[in-house]
Amino acid sequence: MEWESWATALAHQVTDPDSRWRNPLLRTARHQLIPRWWVADEAGRWTLRDGPSDPGTWAEAAYADRSLTTRVGTLHADDAGPDDHPEGQPTSSATLPSLIVRMLRHTRVGNGLSLLDLGTGAGGLTAYACHRIGDGHVTSLDVDPYLVDAARARLAAMGHRPRMITADATKEVPGAYDRIVCTVALPPGPGLRPVIGALKPGGRIALTLARTSLIITGWKTGNGDVVGQVERDMAGFMLTRSDADYPPALTELFALAAEAEGETTSAGRYPVVDMANAWELRSMLEVITPGVEVGYETRGRTRTAYLVHPDGSWARASAEWTDPPEVHQSGPQRLWNALERIRNRLNTEGALPLLGARVRITPDGVCHLSRGKWSAYMGGQ
C-alpha cells in the first residue's frame, strides 16, 4: 500500500505545523498495526473488516481520525472469521490519533525521559513515542498477552523495539518512569496505587478515571502524592480489566429497571438524557454515586434512561422527546434524584465544578478533588 500520502493527510489534520508530534504521525504506517477490525451496524451487530482484502477501505479506516475496535469480548479481529459476530463490549481498540496526541501533550513527553504507555492496544501511541523520543525510552504495558505480542511484532516490523510488558496494572506495574500516559480508564483507590507507585518523584502522569471522562494530570511530589488538576479537556477510554473480558454487567438489575414499578414513582424535572454521551454529567454522577452504570434506548419518540448500582438501586426515566419524564426508582439510593441535583447545580451555576478542579492523588490511590468551596474524593472507603 502507498500509505505515505494518507499518513500526511492525517498528520495535517490532527497536529499543528510546528507540533513535535507531526513527524511521528507522518512516519507511522498506522495500517500495519490494524490489519483487521470490527464494525458495528445500527443494531449493534459486529462484523469483521479485513484490510489486506480491501486496501481502499483499509487505508480510509486506518488513516481516519477515529478509533477502530479490534477486540469484542474475548474475540480479537485477528482470530476471527467472516461469519463471526461476537457479542459483548469492546475490550480493545486502536485509539483515534488526535486523542493519542492530546494525551501525549498532557503528559509533557520530552527527550531523555522514560515513558510508560499504559494500555498498549494496537500500539499506535507506542509507535508515535518511539519516533519522538527513541525506543530505549519507551515501555508499553497491557493486561492482554496477545495484544502485547501482536504489537511487539508489528512494531518490530516498523523498526521499533520498545520494552513490552504483560501485566495487570491494577495489581503491579514493573519499573519506574518519568512519565506515564494511560489510555485505559483506571479505578481510583487500590487499583490506582501501583500506577502511582511506578511514577518517579518529579514525574508527570496523564490518566482518566473509570466511568468518567475526566483527564487528570499531575506531578509527583517528594511525599508520594500526585498534585495537579482536572484538565479542561475530556476523553472516553475503556475500563481497565484484569481478565480476558469484563465482569458481567448488572444484567438482572437492568432487566428489573426496565419492567418494575419501583418503590417510588414521580415526575422528573428535566428531559431524559443519554448519560453515556453526556460526559460531564456522567462524570459528576460517578463522583457522587461511585459504581453507577447507565443505559439508554429510544423507541420512536420515546426516550428511556436507566441508572443501576451494585447495591441494588435502580432508576428508570421515560418520556416522549423533551417532555418531563415519569421516573420509577427503588433500592437504597434514589439515583435519579442524585442526577437531578447535579442538573440543578449545572442550571443554577452555569457549570459543574469538575473541569479545572485541583487534584491530589495520595499513594493509596485515593483522588481528592476540590474547587472553591466544593470538594470530593474518589476511591476511599
Protein backbone atom coordinates (compact mmCIF):
# COMPACT_ATOMS: atom_id res chain seq x y z
CA MET A 1 0.00 0.00 0.00
CA GLU A 2 1.15 3.54 -0.76
CA TRP A 3 0.39 4.90 2.68
CA GLU A 4 2.58 8.00 2.99
CA SER A 5 0.02 10.37 1.45
CA TRP A 6 -2.65 9.01 3.77
CA ALA A 7 -0.39 9.50 6.80
CA THR A 8 0.42 13.03 5.63
CA ALA A 9 -3.26 13.93 5.42
CA LEU A 10 -3.86 12.51 8.91
CA ALA A 11 -0.86 14.34 10.39
CA HIS A 12 -2.02 17.64 8.90
CA GLN A 13 -5.49 17.04 10.28
CA VAL A 14 -4.56 16.31 13.90
CA THR A 15 -1.34 18.29 14.53
CA ASP A 16 -0.26 21.90 14.18
CA PRO A 17 2.50 22.79 11.69
CA ASP A 18 5.04 23.28 14.49
CA SER A 19 3.97 20.25 16.56
CA ARG A 20 6.69 17.83 17.64
CA TRP A 21 4.14 15.05 17.07
CA ARG A 22 3.62 15.81 13.39
CA ASN A 23 6.70 13.91 12.23
CA PRO A 24 5.80 10.72 14.19
CA LEU A 25 2.40 10.68 12.50
CA LEU A 26 3.97 11.29 9.10
CA ARG A 27 6.36 8.37 9.58
CA THR A 28 3.98 5.80 11.13
CA ALA A 29 2.31 3.24 8.85
CA ARG A 30 -0.75 3.01 11.10
CA HIS A 31 -2.50 0.49 8.85
CA GLN A 32 0.17 -2.10 9.69
CA LEU A 33 -0.97 -2.00 13.32
CA ILE A 34 -4.63 -2.60 12.40
CA PRO A 35 -4.91 -5.27 9.71
CA ARG A 36 -8.39 -6.31 10.89
CA TRP A 37 -11.06 -4.64 12.96
CA TRP A 38 -14.74 -4.78 13.93
CA VAL A 39 -17.54 -2.53 12.73
CA ALA A 40 -20.95 -2.36 14.45
CA ASP A 41 -24.12 -1.68 12.47
CA GLU A 42 -27.09 0.35 13.74
CA ALA A 43 -28.44 -2.72 15.54
CA GLY A 44 -25.12 -3.23 17.34
CA ARG A 45 -24.14 -6.35 15.36
CA TRP A 46 -20.38 -6.66 14.97
CA THR A 47 -18.94 -7.53 11.55
CA LEU A 48 -15.33 -8.20 10.63
CA ARG A 49 -13.32 -5.99 8.29
CA ASP A 50 -10.15 -7.39 6.72
CA GLY A 51 -7.73 -4.75 5.50
CA PRO A 52 -5.49 -6.68 3.08
CA SER A 53 -8.53 -7.94 1.16
CA ASP A 54 -9.82 -4.39 0.63
CA PRO A 55 -6.87 -1.93 0.59
CA GLY A 56 -9.02 1.11 -0.17
CA THR A 57 -11.26 0.60 2.85
CA TRP A 58 -8.19 -0.30 4.93
CA ALA A 59 -6.45 2.97 4.13
CA GLU A 60 -9.57 5.05 4.70
CA ALA A 61 -10.18 3.44 8.09
CA ALA A 62 -6.58 3.33 9.33
CA TYR A 63 -5.82 6.96 8.45
CA ALA A 64 -9.09 8.46 9.60
CA ASP A 65 -9.12 10.25 12.92
CA ARG A 66 -11.30 7.68 14.64
CA SER A 67 -10.95 4.71 16.91
CA LEU A 68 -11.16 1.21 15.46
CA THR A 69 -12.44 -1.62 17.64
CA THR A 70 -10.07 -4.58 17.43
CA ARG A 71 -11.47 -6.87 20.12
CA VAL A 72 -15.05 -7.59 21.25
CA GLY A 73 -15.49 -9.71 24.35
CA THR A 74 -12.74 -12.32 24.10
CA LEU A 75 -12.54 -12.40 20.29
CA HIS A 76 -9.81 -10.37 18.60
CA ALA A 77 -10.38 -9.48 14.96
CA ASP A 78 -7.05 -11.16 14.11
CA ASP A 79 -8.52 -14.51 15.17
CA ALA A 80 -11.99 -14.11 13.67
CA GLY A 81 -13.62 -15.49 10.57
CA PRO A 82 -16.00 -13.67 8.22
CA ASP A 83 -19.03 -15.39 9.75
CA ASP A 84 -18.15 -14.43 13.33
CA HIS A 85 -20.38 -11.84 15.03
CA PRO A 86 -19.21 -11.56 18.64
CA GLU A 87 -21.44 -10.25 21.39
CA GLY A 88 -20.39 -8.12 24.31
CA GLN A 89 -18.44 -4.97 24.93
CA PRO A 90 -15.35 -3.80 23.02
CA THR A 91 -12.28 -4.82 25.00
CA SER A 92 -9.53 -3.29 22.88
CA SER A 93 -9.20 -0.68 20.15
CA ALA A 94 -6.82 1.45 18.17
CA THR A 95 -7.38 4.89 19.71
CA LEU A 96 -8.07 7.82 17.41
CA PRO A 97 -4.78 9.62 16.66
CA SER A 98 -5.90 13.10 17.74
CA LEU A 99 -6.69 11.78 21.23
CA ILE A 100 -3.33 10.00 21.41
CA VAL A 101 -1.59 13.27 20.56
CA ARG A 102 -3.64 15.15 23.16
CA MET A 103 -2.76 12.63 25.87
CA LEU A 104 0.94 12.77 24.95
CA ARG A 105 0.85 16.56 25.15
CA HIS A 106 -0.83 16.40 28.55
CA THR A 107 1.96 14.06 29.69
CA ARG A 108 4.73 16.51 28.65
CA VAL A 109 6.84 13.84 26.97
CA GLY A 110 10.42 15.01 26.41
CA ASN A 111 13.82 13.90 25.22
CA GLY A 112 15.71 11.69 27.64
CA LEU A 113 12.64 10.93 29.78
CA SER A 114 11.35 7.40 30.30
CA LEU A 115 7.72 6.90 29.27
CA LEU A 116 5.22 4.20 30.20
CA ASP A 117 2.37 3.72 27.73
CA LEU A 118 -0.26 2.06 29.91
CA GLY A 119 -2.71 0.31 27.60
CA THR A 120 -0.81 -0.96 24.56
CA GLY A 121 -3.89 -1.73 22.48
CA ALA A 122 -2.88 -1.77 18.83
CA GLY A 123 0.40 0.00 19.58
CA GLY A 124 -0.23 3.39 17.99
CA LEU A 125 0.82 5.53 20.93
CA THR A 126 3.91 3.38 21.43
CA ALA A 127 4.85 3.87 17.77
CA TYR A 128 4.50 7.65 17.95
CA ALA A 129 6.50 7.79 21.18
CA CYS A 130 9.28 5.63 19.72
CA HIS A 131 9.59 8.05 16.80
CA ARG A 132 9.62 11.03 19.14
CA ILE A 133 11.95 10.01 21.99
CA GLY A 134 13.53 6.72 20.87
CA ASP A 135 12.73 3.08 21.54
CA GLY A 136 15.02 2.84 24.56
CA HIS A 137 12.94 5.37 26.50
CA VAL A 138 9.54 3.74 25.83
CA THR A 139 7.79 0.93 27.72
CA SER A 140 4.36 -0.35 26.72
CA LEU A 141 2.13 -2.37 29.07
CA ASP A 142 -1.14 -4.22 28.61
CA VAL A 143 -3.00 -6.89 30.56
CA ASP A 144 -3.63 -8.93 27.40
CA PRO A 145 -0.66 -11.08 26.32
CA TYR A 146 -1.93 -11.33 22.74
CA LEU A 147 -2.15 -7.55 22.38
CA VAL A 148 1.40 -7.19 23.69
CA ASP A 149 2.78 -9.92 21.42
CA ALA A 150 0.96 -8.64 18.32
CA ALA A 151 2.03 -5.05 18.93
CA ARG A 152 5.61 -6.17 19.58
CA ALA A 153 5.77 -7.99 16.24
CA ARG A 154 4.14 -5.18 14.27
CA LEU A 155 6.27 -2.50 15.88
CA ALA A 156 9.40 -4.57 15.17
CA ALA A 157 8.37 -4.73 11.50
CA MET A 158 8.42 -0.93 11.58
CA GLY A 159 11.88 -0.96 13.14
CA HIS A 160 10.78 -0.21 16.73
CA ARG A 161 11.84 -2.29 19.72
CA PRO A 162 10.49 -0.72 22.90
CA ARG A 163 10.20 -2.64 26.13
CA MET A 164 6.92 -4.58 26.11
CA ILE A 165 5.29 -5.86 29.32
CA THR A 166 2.24 -8.01 30.03
CA ALA A 167 0.85 -7.13 33.47
CA ASP A 168 -2.34 -6.16 35.30
CA ALA A 169 -1.62 -2.52 36.12
CA THR A 170 -4.23 -2.53 38.90
CA LYS A 171 -2.03 -5.04 40.75
CA GLU A 172 1.54 -4.46 39.57
CA VAL A 173 3.46 -2.04 37.36
CA PRO A 174 7.08 -3.14 36.93
CA GLY A 175 9.68 -0.39 36.74
CA ALA A 176 9.75 3.35 37.47
CA TYR A 177 9.07 6.10 34.94
CA ASP A 178 9.45 9.84 34.42
CA ARG A 179 6.20 9.99 32.50
CA ILE A 180 3.10 7.75 32.47
CA VAL A 181 0.31 8.12 29.91
CA CYS A 182 -2.81 6.00 30.39
CA THR A 183 -5.18 5.15 27.56
CA VAL A 184 -7.39 2.96 29.72
CA ALA A 185 -9.63 4.32 32.48
CA LEU A 186 -8.25 3.43 35.91
CA PRO A 187 -10.24 2.76 39.08
CA PRO A 188 -9.43 5.18 41.93
CA GLY A 189 -8.31 3.59 45.16
CA PRO A 190 -6.31 0.35 45.43
CA GLY A 191 -6.41 -0.22 41.66
CA LEU A 192 -4.61 3.06 41.06
CA ARG A 193 -1.95 2.52 43.73
CA PRO A 194 0.52 0.50 41.58
CA VAL A 195 0.43 3.12 38.81
CA ILE A 196 1.12 5.99 41.19
CA GLY A 197 3.88 3.91 42.77
CA ALA A 198 5.60 3.46 39.38
CA LEU A 199 5.83 7.21 38.77
CA LYS A 200 9.19 8.68 39.78
CA PRO A 201 9.30 11.69 42.14
CA GLY A 202 9.14 14.75 39.93
CA GLY A 203 7.43 12.70 37.22
CA ARG A 204 4.18 13.50 35.47
CA ILE A 205 1.11 11.41 34.69
CA ALA A 206 -1.96 11.82 32.48
CA LEU A 207 -4.90 9.48 33.12
CA THR A 208 -8.66 9.10 33.13
CA LEU A 209 -10.73 7.57 35.91
CA ALA A 210 -13.13 4.66 35.49
CA ARG A 211 -16.66 5.57 34.36
CA THR A 212 -15.68 9.22 33.90
CA SER A 213 -14.29 11.25 31.02
CA LEU A 214 -12.03 13.34 33.25
CA ILE A 215 -8.43 13.78 32.13
CA ILE A 216 -6.32 14.20 35.24
CA THR A 217 -2.73 15.39 35.07
CA GLY A 218 -0.26 15.88 37.88
CA TRP A 219 3.31 15.90 39.11
CA LYS A 220 4.59 13.54 41.78
CA THR A 221 5.88 15.27 44.88
CA GLY A 222 8.54 14.12 47.30
CA ASN A 223 5.97 12.77 49.77
CA GLY A 224 4.46 10.44 47.15
CA ASP A 225 1.36 12.48 46.34
CA VAL A 226 0.49 13.41 42.78
CA VAL A 227 -0.68 17.02 42.65
CA GLY A 228 -2.35 18.52 39.61
CA GLN A 229 -5.70 19.26 38.06
CA VAL A 230 -8.64 18.06 36.02
CA GLU A 231 -7.86 19.33 32.54
CA ARG A 232 -10.40 21.37 30.59
CA ASP A 233 -10.44 18.51 28.14
CA MET A 234 -12.23 15.17 28.15
CA ALA A 235 -11.70 11.65 26.85
CA GLY A 236 -13.56 8.36 26.85
CA PHE A 237 -11.40 5.28 27.39
CA MET A 238 -12.27 1.65 28.07
CA LEU A 239 -12.12 0.44 31.64
CA THR A 240 -9.10 -1.50 32.78
CA ARG A 241 -9.72 -5.22 33.06
CA SER A 242 -7.94 -7.97 34.95
CA ASP A 243 -9.26 -10.92 32.95
CA ALA A 244 -9.93 -11.80 29.31
CA ASP A 245 -13.25 -9.94 29.44
CA TYR A 246 -15.07 -7.51 31.69
CA PRO A 247 -17.17 -8.90 34.55
CA PRO A 248 -20.83 -9.43 33.62
CA ALA A 249 -22.84 -6.23 33.54
CA LEU A 250 -25.65 -5.76 36.03
CA THR A 251 -27.93 -7.53 33.56
CA GLU A 252 -30.58 -8.68 36.01
CA LEU A 253 -30.80 -5.25 37.59
CA PHE A 254 -31.15 -3.57 34.19
CA ALA A 255 -33.93 -6.05 33.38
CA LEU A 256 -35.66 -5.22 36.66
CA ALA A 257 -35.31 -1.50 35.97
CA ALA A 258 -36.91 -1.96 32.57
CA GLU A 259 -40.09 -3.58 33.90
CA ALA A 260 -40.65 -2.96 37.62
CA GLU A 261 -42.84 -0.27 39.14
CA GLY A 262 -40.32 0.55 41.84
CA GLU A 263 -40.77 1.82 45.35
CA THR A 264 -41.40 5.39 44.21
CA THR A 265 -42.90 6.97 41.10
CA SER A 266 -42.57 10.67 40.39
CA ALA A 267 -42.33 13.26 37.63
CA GLY A 268 -38.81 14.25 36.67
CA ARG A 269 -37.83 17.87 36.29
CA TYR A 270 -35.57 17.62 33.26
CA PRO A 271 -35.77 15.82 29.90
CA VAL A 272 -34.34 12.33 29.58
CA VAL A 273 -30.69 12.39 28.59
CA ASP A 274 -28.35 9.72 27.22
CA MET A 275 -25.87 9.71 30.08
CA ALA A 276 -23.22 7.75 28.20
CA ASN A 277 -22.84 10.71 25.87
CA ALA A 278 -23.37 13.47 28.44
CA TRP A 279 -19.77 13.20 29.57
CA GLU A 280 -19.64 15.88 32.24
CA LEU A 281 -22.93 14.83 33.82
CA ARG A 282 -21.83 11.19 33.72
CA SER A 283 -18.52 12.05 35.35
CA MET A 284 -20.15 14.05 38.15
CA LEU A 285 -22.63 11.23 38.77
CA GLU A 286 -19.72 8.82 39.20
CA VAL A 287 -18.11 11.19 41.70
CA ILE A 288 -21.17 11.32 43.94
CA THR A 289 -22.52 7.77 43.35
CA PRO A 290 -19.45 5.63 42.55
CA GLY A 291 -20.12 2.47 40.58
CA VAL A 292 -23.34 3.53 38.86
CA GLU A 293 -23.96 2.09 35.38
CA VAL A 294 -26.09 3.74 32.71
CA GLY A 295 -28.34 2.65 29.85
CA TYR A 296 -30.44 4.38 27.24
CA GLU A 297 -32.87 3.46 24.46
CA THR A 298 -35.26 5.12 22.05
CA ARG A 299 -38.50 3.75 20.62
CA GLY A 300 -39.98 6.18 18.16
CA ARG A 301 -40.14 9.49 20.03
CA THR A 302 -39.99 7.82 23.46
CA ARG A 303 -36.67 8.10 25.23
CA THR A 304 -35.82 6.00 28.28
CA ALA A 305 -32.76 6.19 30.53
CA TYR A 306 -31.68 3.67 33.15
CA LEU A 307 -29.37 4.00 36.14
CA VAL A 308 -28.36 0.93 38.17
CA HIS A 309 -25.96 0.43 41.04
CA PRO A 310 -24.29 -2.68 42.52
CA ASP A 311 -26.05 -2.01 45.84
CA GLY A 312 -29.37 -2.86 44.15
CA SER A 313 -30.53 0.68 43.46
CA TRP A 314 -32.10 1.44 40.11
CA ALA A 315 -33.97 4.19 38.30
CA ARG A 316 -35.92 4.38 35.05
CA ALA A 317 -36.98 7.66 33.45
CA SER A 318 -39.13 7.65 30.32
CA ALA A 319 -40.78 10.40 28.30
CA GLU A 320 -41.78 11.43 24.83
CA TRP A 321 -38.96 13.55 23.43
CA THR A 322 -38.34 16.52 25.79
CA ASP A 323 -41.43 16.13 27.97
CA PRO A 324 -40.92 15.73 31.74
CA PRO A 325 -40.28 12.03 32.36
CA GLU A 326 -42.07 9.56 34.56
CA VAL A 327 -39.44 8.29 36.99
CA HIS A 328 -39.51 4.91 38.78
CA GLN A 329 -36.89 4.22 41.45
CA SER A 330 -36.03 1.58 44.01
CA GLY A 331 -33.22 0.48 46.32
CA PRO A 332 -31.04 2.13 48.96
CA GLN A 333 -30.26 5.16 46.75
CA ARG A 334 -32.53 7.37 44.66
CA LEU A 335 -30.25 7.57 41.67
CA TRP A 336 -32.41 9.82 39.50
CA ASN A 337 -32.70 12.28 42.39
CA ALA A 338 -28.92 12.38 42.57
CA LEU A 339 -28.74 13.10 38.85
CA GLU A 340 -31.33 15.86 39.11
CA ARG A 341 -29.35 17.53 41.92
CA ILE A 342 -26.39 17.62 39.55
CA ARG A 343 -28.53 19.14 36.79
CA ASN A 344 -29.94 21.68 39.24
CA ARG A 345 -26.40 22.76 40.07
CA LEU A 346 -25.49 22.97 36.40
CA ASN A 347 -28.51 25.17 35.65
CA THR A 348 -28.05 27.32 38.74
CA GLU A 349 -24.31 27.93 38.45
CA GLY A 350 -23.86 27.54 34.71
CA ALA A 351 -21.17 24.90 35.12
CA LEU A 352 -20.14 21.94 37.24
CA PRO A 353 -17.02 22.18 39.42
CA LEU A 354 -15.18 19.28 37.79
CA LEU A 355 -13.26 20.78 34.88
CA GLY A 356 -10.37 22.82 36.21
CA ALA A 357 -10.64 21.32 39.71
CA ARG A 358 -7.48 20.78 41.72
CA VAL A 359 -6.49 17.15 42.28
CA ARG A 360 -4.36 15.38 44.85
CA ILE A 361 -3.84 11.63 44.47
CA THR A 362 -2.38 10.06 47.59
CA PRO A 363 -0.11 6.99 47.43
CA ASP A 364 -3.09 4.76 48.31
CA GLY A 365 -4.75 5.82 45.03
CA VAL A 366 -7.46 7.99 46.57
CA CYS A 367 -8.26 11.02 44.41
CA HIS A 368 -9.12 14.23 46.23
CA LEU A 369 -10.89 16.87 44.13
CA SER A 370 -11.51 20.50 45.08
CA ARG A 371 -12.59 23.74 43.52
CA GLY A 372 -13.57 26.75 45.60
CA LYS A 373 -15.81 25.56 48.42
CA TRP A 374 -16.56 22.26 46.69
CA SER A 375 -14.61 19.10 47.45
CA ALA A 376 -14.99 15.37 46.92
CA TYR A 377 -12.88 12.25 46.89
CA MET A 378 -12.93 9.03 44.87
CA GLY A 379 -11.58 5.63 45.79
CA GLY A 380 -11.75 5.89 49.57
CA GLN A 381 -13.83 3.82 51.94
